[in-house]
Structures are given as structure tokens and as C-alpha cells.
C-alpha atoms as a PDB file:
ATOM      1  CA  MET A   1       3.504  83.657 186.081  1.00  0.00           C
ATOM      2  CA  LEU A   2       3.943  80.179 184.600  1.00  0.00           C
ATOM      3  CA  VAL A   3       6.744  81.468 182.371  1.00  0.00           C
ATOM      4  CA  ARG A   4       8.575  82.925 185.382  1.00  0.00           C
ATOM      5  CA  LEU A   5       8.169  79.686 187.328  1.00  0.00           C
ATOM      6  CA  THR A   6       9.435  77.634 184.397  1.00  0.00           C
ATOM      7  CA  THR A   7      12.405  79.955 183.968  1.00  0.00           C
ATOM      8  CA  ARG A   8      13.269  79.718 187.667  1.00  0.00           C
ATOM      9  CA  VAL A   9      13.017  75.926 187.656  1.00  0.00           C
ATOM     10  CA  LEU A  10      15.173  75.614 184.538  1.00  0.00           C
ATOM     11  CA  THR A  11      17.726  78.030 185.979  1.00  0.00           C
ATOM     12  CA  ARG A  12      17.977  75.998 189.182  1.00  0.00           C
ATOM     13  CA  ILE A  13      18.300  72.746 187.246  1.00  0.00           C
ATOM     14  CA  GLN A  14      21.092  74.240 185.148  1.00  0.00           C
ATOM     15  CA  HIS A  15      22.828  75.600 188.256  1.00  0.00           C
ATOM     16  CA  HIS A  16      22.740  72.217 190.005  1.00  0.00           C
ATOM     17  CA  ALA A  17      23.862  70.420 186.840  1.00  0.00           C
ATOM     18  CA  TRP A  18      26.905  72.713 186.561  1.00  0.00           C
ATOM     19  CA  SER A  19      27.675  72.292 190.267  1.00  0.00           C
ATOM     20  CA  LEU A  20      27.537  68.516 189.934  1.00  0.00           C
ATOM     21  CA  ARG A  21      29.679  68.620 186.789  1.00  0.00           C
ATOM     22  CA  LEU A  22      32.338  70.692 188.533  1.00  0.00           C
ATOM     23  CA  ARG A  23      32.451  68.277 191.470  1.00  0.00           C
ATOM     24  CA  LEU A  24      32.804  65.191 189.300  1.00  0.00           C
ATOM     25  CA  GLU A  25      35.262  66.422 186.685  1.00  0.00           C
ATOM     26  CA  PRO A  26      39.003  66.669 187.217  1.00  0.00           C
ATOM     27  CA  ILE A  27      40.362  69.932 188.574  1.00  0.00           C
ATOM     28  CA  ASP A  28      42.824  70.349 185.716  1.00  0.00           C
ATOM     29  CA  GLU A  29      43.810  68.739 182.427  1.00  0.00           C
ATOM     30  CA  ARG A  30      46.405  66.481 184.042  1.00  0.00           C
ATOM     31  CA  GLY A  31      43.727  64.456 185.802  1.00  0.00           C
ATOM     32  CA  GLY A  32      43.055  63.871 189.440  1.00  0.00           C
ATOM     33  CA  GLY A  33      39.654  64.832 190.709  1.00  0.00           C
ATOM     34  CA  ARG A  34      38.745  66.122 194.130  1.00  0.00           C
ATOM     35  CA  ASN A  35      38.458  62.679 195.706  1.00  0.00           C
ATOM     36  CA  THR A  36      41.177  60.625 194.081  1.00  0.00           C
ATOM     37  CA  ASP A  37      43.148  57.827 195.641  1.00  0.00           C
ATOM     38  CA  GLU A  38      46.292  59.856 195.087  1.00  0.00           C
ATOM     39  CA  GLY A  39      45.033  62.611 197.357  1.00  0.00           C
ATOM     40  CA  PHE A  40      44.095  60.131 200.057  1.00  0.00           C
ATOM     41  CA  HIS A  41      47.530  58.520 199.848  1.00  0.00           C
ATOM     42  CA  ILE A  42      49.258  61.888 200.130  1.00  0.00           C
ATOM     43  CA  SER A  43      47.157  62.776 203.175  1.00  0.00           C
ATOM     44  CA  ALA A  44      47.773  59.417 204.816  1.00  0.00           C
ATOM     45  CA  GLY A  45      51.508  59.742 204.176  1.00  0.00           C
ATOM     46  CA  ALA A  46      51.550  63.158 205.826  1.00  0.00           C
ATOM     47  CA  VAL A  47      49.720  61.811 208.882  1.00  0.00           C
ATOM     48  CA  ILE A  48      52.053  58.820 209.160  1.00  0.00           C
ATOM     49  CA  ALA A  49      55.118  61.070 208.814  1.00  0.00           C
ATOM     50  CA  GLY A  50      53.785  63.292 211.603  1.00  0.00           C
ATOM     51  CA  VAL A  51      53.236  60.307 213.886  1.00  0.00           C
ATOM     52  CA  ILE A  52      56.754  59.022 213.202  1.00  0.00           C
ATOM     53  CA  ALA A  53      58.263  62.464 213.855  1.00  0.00           C
ATOM     54  CA  ALA A  54      56.342  62.779 217.131  1.00  0.00           C
ATOM     55  CA  GLY A  55      57.465  59.306 218.204  1.00  0.00           C
ATOM     56  CA  VAL A  56      61.113  60.035 217.425  1.00  0.00           C
ATOM     57  CA  ALA A  57      60.919  63.360 219.273  1.00  0.00           C
ATOM     58  CA  ALA A  58      59.381  61.649 222.321  1.00  0.00           C
ATOM     59  CA  PHE A  59      62.060  58.936 222.248  1.00  0.00           C
ATOM     60  CA  VAL A  60      64.875  61.488 222.080  1.00  0.00           C
ATOM     61  CA  ALA A  61      63.296  63.595 224.827  1.00  0.00           C
ATOM     62  CA  ASP A  62      62.965  60.496 227.017  1.00  0.00           C
ATOM     63  CA  LYS A  63      66.618  59.545 226.456  1.00  0.00           C
ATOM     64  CA  LEU A  64      67.698  63.085 227.342  1.00  0.00           C
ATOM     65  CA  GLY A  65      65.643  62.911 230.532  1.00  0.00           C
ATOM     66  CA  ALA A  66      63.296  65.723 229.590  1.00  0.00           C
ATOM     67  CA  LEU A  67      60.203  63.625 230.270  1.00  0.00           C
ATOM     68  CA  LYS A  68      61.186  62.516 233.787  1.00  0.00           C
END
């Protein structure tokens, strides 16, 4: 029983160690992990571009009288 318990504990420790390793290491050889500044900048750029596009569309629609 003690051997089985020890085996289970060691297996869980190894599983969690591998999970942690995979979260902290880069996704590929070129670098860039899951939570890099580059990813945040890309996401922020996409959000800003969407806001600008929505603003331009609203401005054009207002000038054409579609919002009145």
C-alpha cells in the first residue's frame, strides 16, 4: 500500500512539473512564450484598430445621414 501511495504521489508530482514546464517554456524554437509582451501588443493593436474602424464607420454613417 505504501508503494502504491508513493508511486501515485511521484506520478502527480511529475505530471505537475511537466505541466508547469510547458506553461513556462516558449511554444516554439523561435521564442515567444504564452504571455509575452509581443502577444499583448498584437492584441492591443487589434483592439485599437477595431475601435478606429468603428469610429470611422460611425462618422461616415453620420455624414450620410444614416444615424438621423
